[in-house]
Structures are given as C-alpha cells and as structure tokens.
Amino acid sequence: MNNNIEFETAKDIAFAYREIDTAEGLLAKIEEAVQKYEQPDIRDSFGRLAGGLQLGVQSGNNSQRLYNVPWALARPIIEAHIANQRAIISSLSVKARIELGEKNANNP
C-alpha cells in the first residue's frame, strides 16, 4: 500500500487552488466596483489601470491576445474558470485517494 501522493498530483491540486484563490480575488474586486458603478481598480505590472481582461497566449512567436475584454464579460469567464478548477480538484482528489491506496476512493 502506497502512503504517498504523487508529486504531479499534489502540484496540480495546489495550482488549481491557487487559480481559484486568484480568480475569487479578481471577481471580488470586479463585483465591488460594479456595485459602486465604478471601473475596477485593477492595474497591470506597470501600475496602469486595466480597462478589461486580456485573454490569450502571452509568449512566443505565435502569441495571440485579446485586449480590453469588457468587465461585463469578465464575471462569467471568471466564474466558469473557478467552476472548472473546482472540477479539476475534485477529479485530482479521487486520484490522490487512489494513490494513497484507499479502497473507496471514488466515494468522497
């Protein structure tokens, strides 16, 4: 019986939790600003006010990016991302229990 979770499984779970934490923080900032009828005070790494989300592949010769995706579209995108990460955690949790050798790993 194995008593260890594989490194990749643990890492993937940690990354998914980090994504949820980051996304929930961003969502909270957006929600707060929307309730006050203000633009969210979200800044890029240079301190410039962001007018919306940027989506895309950020590096390499084939980088593609959408700029200024409106904040109104940000909420459903972020909520879907959070839901997806939670599903990943659920699946990885089953995998971790299997790696630990639990007999009923599929029953949370």
N, C-alpha and C. Protein backbone atom coordinates (compact mmCIF):
# COMPACT_ATOMS: atom_id res chain seq x y z
N MET A 1 0.85 -1.18 0.00
CA MET A 1 0.00 0.00 0.00
C MET A 1 0.89 1.24 0.00
N ASN A 2 0.62 2.14 -0.91
CA ASN A 2 1.38 3.39 -1.02
C ASN A 2 0.80 4.43 -0.07
N ASN A 3 1.66 5.15 0.60
CA ASN A 3 1.20 6.19 1.51
C ASN A 3 1.56 7.58 1.03
N ASN A 4 1.82 7.71 -0.26
CA ASN A 4 2.23 9.00 -0.81
C ASN A 4 1.37 9.39 -2.00
N ILE A 5 1.14 10.67 -2.10
CA ILE A 5 0.51 11.23 -3.29
C ILE A 5 1.63 11.60 -4.25
N GLU A 6 1.46 11.31 -5.52
CA GLU A 6 2.49 11.64 -6.50
C GLU A 6 2.69 13.15 -6.55
N PHE A 7 3.93 13.54 -6.82
CA PHE A 7 4.30 14.95 -6.88
C PHE A 7 3.42 15.71 -7.86
N GLU A 8 3.23 15.16 -9.05
CA GLU A 8 2.44 15.85 -10.08
C GLU A 8 1.00 16.06 -9.62
N THR A 9 0.43 15.08 -8.95
CA THR A 9 -0.95 15.21 -8.46
C THR A 9 -1.03 16.31 -7.43
N ALA A 10 -0.11 16.30 -6.47
CA ALA A 10 -0.10 17.34 -5.43
C ALA A 10 0.12 18.73 -6.04
N LYS A 11 1.02 18.82 -6.99
CA LYS A 11 1.31 20.10 -7.65
C LYS A 11 0.08 20.60 -8.40
N ASP A 12 -0.56 19.71 -9.13
CA ASP A 12 -1.74 20.10 -9.90
C ASP A 12 -2.89 20.55 -8.99
N ILE A 13 -3.04 19.90 -7.85
CA ILE A 13 -4.06 20.32 -6.88
C ILE A 13 -3.72 21.70 -6.35
N ALA A 14 -2.45 21.92 -6.00
CA ALA A 14 -2.03 23.23 -5.47
C ALA A 14 -2.23 24.33 -6.52
N PHE A 15 -1.90 24.05 -7.77
CA PHE A 15 -2.09 25.06 -8.83
C PHE A 15 -3.57 25.38 -9.02
N ALA A 16 -4.42 24.38 -8.95
CA ALA A 16 -5.86 24.61 -9.11
C ALA A 16 -6.39 25.47 -7.96
N TYR A 17 -5.95 25.19 -6.74
CA TYR A 17 -6.36 26.02 -5.61
C TYR A 17 -5.86 27.45 -5.76
N ARG A 18 -4.63 27.60 -6.26
CA ARG A 18 -4.09 28.95 -6.49
C ARG A 18 -4.92 29.70 -7.53
N GLU A 19 -5.31 29.02 -8.58
CA GLU A 19 -6.15 29.64 -9.61
C GLU A 19 -7.49 30.09 -9.02
N ILE A 20 -8.09 29.26 -8.18
CA ILE A 20 -9.36 29.63 -7.55
C ILE A 20 -9.17 30.84 -6.67
N ASP A 21 -8.12 30.85 -5.86
CA ASP A 21 -7.85 31.97 -4.97
C ASP A 21 -7.66 33.27 -5.75
N THR A 22 -6.88 33.21 -6.80
CA THR A 22 -6.64 34.39 -7.64
C THR A 22 -7.92 34.85 -8.32
N ALA A 23 -8.66 33.90 -8.88
CA ALA A 23 -9.89 34.24 -9.59
C ALA A 23 -10.94 34.81 -8.66
N GLU A 24 -11.07 34.25 -7.45
CA GLU A 24 -12.05 34.77 -6.50
C GLU A 24 -11.67 36.18 -6.04
N GLY A 25 -10.39 36.46 -5.88
CA GLY A 25 -9.94 37.80 -5.53
C GLY A 25 -10.26 38.80 -6.63
N LEU A 26 -10.00 38.42 -7.87
CA LEU A 26 -10.31 39.28 -9.01
C LEU A 26 -11.81 39.49 -9.13
N LEU A 27 -12.57 38.44 -8.96
CA LEU A 27 -14.03 38.53 -9.04
C LEU A 27 -14.57 39.46 -7.95
N ALA A 28 -14.02 39.37 -6.76
CA ALA A 28 -14.46 40.24 -5.66
C ALA A 28 -14.20 41.72 -5.99
N LYS A 29 -13.03 42.01 -6.57
CA LYS A 29 -12.73 43.40 -6.96
C LYS A 29 -13.71 43.90 -8.01
N ILE A 30 -14.01 43.05 -8.97
CA ILE A 30 -14.93 43.43 -10.04
C ILE A 30 -16.33 43.65 -9.47
N GLU A 31 -16.78 42.72 -8.63
CA GLU A 31 -18.12 42.83 -8.04
C GLU A 31 -18.25 44.11 -7.21
N GLU A 32 -17.23 44.41 -6.41
CA GLU A 32 -17.26 45.61 -5.57
C GLU A 32 -17.37 46.87 -6.41
N ALA A 33 -16.59 46.94 -7.47
CA ALA A 33 -16.62 48.11 -8.35
C ALA A 33 -17.95 48.24 -9.06
N VAL A 34 -18.49 47.12 -9.53
CA VAL A 34 -19.77 47.15 -10.24
C VAL A 34 -20.88 47.64 -9.31
N GLN A 35 -20.86 47.21 -8.06
CA GLN A 35 -21.88 47.66 -7.11
C GLN A 35 -21.80 49.16 -6.86
N LYS A 36 -20.60 49.73 -6.99
CA LYS A 36 -20.41 51.17 -6.78
C LYS A 36 -20.48 51.96 -8.10
N TYR A 37 -20.82 51.26 -9.19
CA TYR A 37 -20.89 51.86 -10.52
C TYR A 37 -19.56 52.50 -10.90
N GLU A 38 -18.46 51.82 -10.55
CA GLU A 38 -17.12 52.29 -10.86
C GLU A 38 -16.41 51.26 -11.73
N GLN A 39 -15.31 51.71 -12.35
CA GLN A 39 -14.46 50.77 -13.07
C GLN A 39 -13.56 50.09 -12.04
N PRO A 40 -13.36 48.77 -12.13
CA PRO A 40 -12.48 48.10 -11.18
C PRO A 40 -11.07 48.70 -11.18
N ASP A 41 -10.50 48.89 -10.01
CA ASP A 41 -9.14 49.42 -9.89
C ASP A 41 -8.16 48.24 -9.94
N ILE A 42 -7.99 47.71 -11.14
CA ILE A 42 -7.10 46.59 -11.37
C ILE A 42 -6.02 47.09 -12.32
N ARG A 43 -4.77 46.95 -11.89
CA ARG A 43 -3.65 47.53 -12.63
C ARG A 43 -2.71 46.46 -13.15
N ASP A 44 -2.03 46.80 -14.24
CA ASP A 44 -1.04 45.88 -14.78
C ASP A 44 0.26 46.01 -13.99
N SER A 45 1.28 45.29 -14.41
CA SER A 45 2.54 45.29 -13.67
C SER A 45 3.26 46.63 -13.71
N PHE A 46 2.83 47.53 -14.60
CA PHE A 46 3.42 48.86 -14.68
C PHE A 46 2.59 49.90 -13.93
N GLY A 47 1.53 49.45 -13.26
CA GLY A 47 0.69 50.35 -12.50
C GLY A 47 -0.38 51.05 -13.32
N ARG A 48 -0.51 50.67 -14.59
CA ARG A 48 -1.53 51.28 -15.44
C ARG A 48 -2.89 50.62 -15.18
N LEU A 49 -3.92 51.44 -15.13
CA LEU A 49 -5.27 50.94 -14.93
C LEU A 49 -5.69 50.07 -16.10
N ALA A 50 -6.16 48.86 -15.80
CA ALA A 50 -6.62 47.95 -16.85
C ALA A 50 -8.06 48.25 -17.19
N GLY A 51 -8.36 48.36 -18.48
CA GLY A 51 -9.72 48.64 -18.92
C GLY A 51 -10.56 47.41 -19.12
N GLY A 52 -9.99 46.25 -18.90
CA GLY A 52 -10.68 44.98 -19.07
C GLY A 52 -9.69 43.85 -18.97
N LEU A 53 -10.16 42.66 -19.23
CA LEU A 53 -9.29 41.49 -19.19
C LEU A 53 -8.46 41.38 -20.46
N GLN A 54 -7.34 40.68 -20.34
CA GLN A 54 -6.57 40.27 -21.50
C GLN A 54 -6.64 38.75 -21.52
N LEU A 55 -6.96 38.20 -22.66
CA LEU A 55 -7.05 36.75 -22.81
C LEU A 55 -6.13 36.32 -23.94
N GLY A 56 -5.42 35.24 -23.73
CA GLY A 56 -4.62 34.73 -24.82
C GLY A 56 -3.39 33.98 -24.37
N VAL A 57 -2.55 33.66 -25.34
CA VAL A 57 -1.27 33.03 -25.11
C VAL A 57 -0.25 34.16 -25.16
N GLN A 58 0.42 34.39 -24.02
CA GLN A 58 1.19 35.61 -23.88
C GLN A 58 2.62 35.56 -24.41
N SER A 59 3.18 34.42 -24.71
CA SER A 59 4.59 34.41 -25.07
C SER A 59 4.84 33.60 -26.32
N GLY A 60 6.02 33.82 -26.88
CA GLY A 60 6.43 33.06 -28.05
C GLY A 60 6.11 33.78 -29.34
N ASN A 61 6.60 33.21 -30.42
CA ASN A 61 6.39 33.79 -31.75
C ASN A 61 4.94 33.75 -32.17
N ASN A 62 4.18 32.82 -31.64
CA ASN A 62 2.78 32.65 -32.02
C ASN A 62 1.82 33.23 -30.98
N SER A 63 2.30 34.19 -30.19
CA SER A 63 1.43 34.74 -29.15
C SER A 63 0.22 35.42 -29.78
N GLN A 64 -0.90 35.21 -29.16
CA GLN A 64 -2.15 35.82 -29.59
C GLN A 64 -2.86 36.30 -28.36
N ARG A 65 -3.39 37.51 -28.42
CA ARG A 65 -4.01 38.07 -27.23
C ARG A 65 -5.17 38.96 -27.63
N LEU A 66 -6.23 38.89 -26.83
CA LEU A 66 -7.34 39.82 -26.94
C LEU A 66 -7.16 40.85 -25.83
N TYR A 67 -7.31 42.12 -26.18
CA TYR A 67 -7.15 43.19 -25.20
C TYR A 67 -8.50 43.80 -24.86
N ASN A 68 -8.60 44.30 -23.64
CA ASN A 68 -9.77 45.04 -23.19
C ASN A 68 -11.08 44.28 -23.35
N VAL A 69 -11.06 43.01 -22.98
CA VAL A 69 -12.30 42.25 -22.91
C VAL A 69 -13.12 42.91 -21.79
N PRO A 70 -14.32 43.38 -22.08
CA PRO A 70 -15.09 44.17 -21.11
C PRO A 70 -15.31 43.45 -19.78
N TRP A 71 -15.35 44.26 -18.70
CA TRP A 71 -15.56 43.70 -17.36
C TRP A 71 -16.89 42.95 -17.28
N ALA A 72 -17.88 43.36 -18.06
CA ALA A 72 -19.18 42.66 -18.05
C ALA A 72 -19.02 41.22 -18.51
N LEU A 73 -18.05 40.97 -19.38
CA LEU A 73 -17.78 39.60 -19.83
C LEU A 73 -16.85 38.87 -18.86
N ALA A 74 -16.15 39.63 -18.03
CA ALA A 74 -15.18 39.03 -17.12
C ALA A 74 -15.85 38.12 -16.10
N ARG A 75 -16.96 38.57 -15.55
CA ARG A 75 -17.62 37.80 -14.49
C ARG A 75 -17.93 36.37 -14.92
N PRO A 76 -18.66 36.16 -16.04
CA PRO A 76 -18.96 34.76 -16.41
C PRO A 76 -17.71 33.96 -16.77
N ILE A 77 -16.71 34.62 -17.33
CA ILE A 77 -15.47 33.92 -17.67
C ILE A 77 -14.78 33.46 -16.39
N ILE A 78 -14.67 34.36 -15.41
CA ILE A 78 -14.01 34.02 -14.15
C ILE A 78 -14.80 32.97 -13.39
N GLU A 79 -16.12 33.10 -13.36
CA GLU A 79 -16.95 32.11 -12.67
C GLU A 79 -16.81 30.73 -13.32
N ALA A 80 -16.76 30.69 -14.64
CA ALA A 80 -16.57 29.41 -15.34
C ALA A 80 -15.20 28.83 -15.04
N HIS A 81 -14.19 29.69 -14.95
CA HIS A 81 -12.84 29.24 -14.64
C HIS A 81 -12.79 28.64 -13.23
N ILE A 82 -13.44 29.30 -12.28
CA ILE A 82 -13.49 28.79 -10.91
C ILE A 82 -14.18 27.43 -10.88
N ALA A 83 -15.30 27.30 -11.56
CA ALA A 83 -16.03 26.03 -11.61
C ALA A 83 -15.16 24.93 -12.23
N ASN A 84 -14.45 25.28 -13.29
CA ASN A 84 -13.58 24.31 -13.94
C ASN A 84 -12.46 23.86 -13.00
N GLN A 85 -11.86 24.80 -12.28
CA GLN A 85 -10.78 24.46 -11.35
C GLN A 85 -11.30 23.59 -10.20
N ARG A 86 -12.51 23.86 -9.75
CA ARG A 86 -13.11 23.02 -8.69
C ARG A 86 -13.34 21.60 -9.19
N ALA A 87 -13.75 21.47 -10.44
CA ALA A 87 -13.93 20.13 -11.03
C ALA A 87 -12.59 19.41 -11.14
N ILE A 88 -11.55 20.15 -11.50
CA ILE A 88 -10.21 19.56 -11.57
C ILE A 88 -9.78 19.07 -10.19
N ILE A 89 -10.01 19.88 -9.16
CA ILE A 89 -9.65 19.49 -7.80
C ILE A 89 -10.42 18.24 -7.38
N SER A 90 -11.68 18.19 -7.71
CA SER A 90 -12.49 17.02 -7.37
C SER A 90 -11.92 15.76 -8.01
N SER A 91 -11.59 15.85 -9.28
CA SER A 91 -11.03 14.71 -10.00
C SER A 91 -9.66 14.33 -9.44
N LEU A 92 -8.83 15.32 -9.18
CA LEU A 92 -7.50 15.05 -8.65
C LEU A 92 -7.55 14.50 -7.23
N SER A 93 -8.58 14.88 -6.48
CA SER A 93 -8.73 14.35 -5.13
C SER A 93 -9.00 12.85 -5.16
N VAL A 94 -9.81 12.43 -6.13
CA VAL A 94 -10.05 10.99 -6.30
C VAL A 94 -8.74 10.30 -6.67
N LYS A 95 -8.00 10.91 -7.59
CA LYS A 95 -6.71 10.35 -7.99
C LYS A 95 -5.77 10.24 -6.79
N ALA A 96 -5.74 11.27 -5.95
CA ALA A 96 -4.87 11.26 -4.78
C ALA A 96 -5.26 10.14 -3.82
N ARG A 97 -6.56 9.96 -3.62
CA ARG A 97 -7.01 8.89 -2.73
C ARG A 97 -6.61 7.52 -3.28
N ILE A 98 -6.68 7.38 -4.60
CA ILE A 98 -6.25 6.12 -5.22
C ILE A 98 -4.76 5.92 -4.99
N GLU A 99 -4.00 6.99 -5.17
CA GLU A 99 -2.55 6.90 -4.96
C GLU A 99 -2.22 6.56 -3.51
N LEU A 100 -3.07 6.98 -2.59
CA LEU A 100 -2.87 6.66 -1.18
C LEU A 100 -3.31 5.23 -0.85
N GLY A 101 -3.97 4.61 -1.82
CA GLY A 101 -4.38 3.23 -1.63
C GLY A 101 -5.70 3.05 -0.94
N GLU A 102 -6.53 4.09 -0.93
CA GLU A 102 -7.85 3.98 -0.30
C GLU A 102 -8.74 3.05 -1.11
N LYS A 103 -9.47 2.22 -0.43
CA LYS A 103 -10.33 1.24 -1.11
C LYS A 103 -11.52 1.90 -1.80
N ASN A 104 -12.14 2.88 -1.18
CA ASN A 104 -13.32 3.53 -1.74
C ASN A 104 -12.99 4.94 -2.20
N ALA A 105 -12.00 5.07 -3.03
CA ALA A 105 -11.51 6.37 -3.46
C ALA A 105 -12.53 7.18 -4.23
N ASN A 106 -13.46 6.51 -4.90
CA ASN A 106 -14.44 7.23 -5.71
C ASN A 106 -15.59 7.78 -4.89
N ASN A 107 -15.67 7.46 -3.62
CA ASN A 107 -16.71 7.98 -2.75
C ASN A 107 -16.12 9.06 -1.85
N PRO A 108 -16.46 10.34 -2.12
CA PRO A 108 -15.86 11.43 -1.34
C PRO A 108 -16.20 11.38 0.13
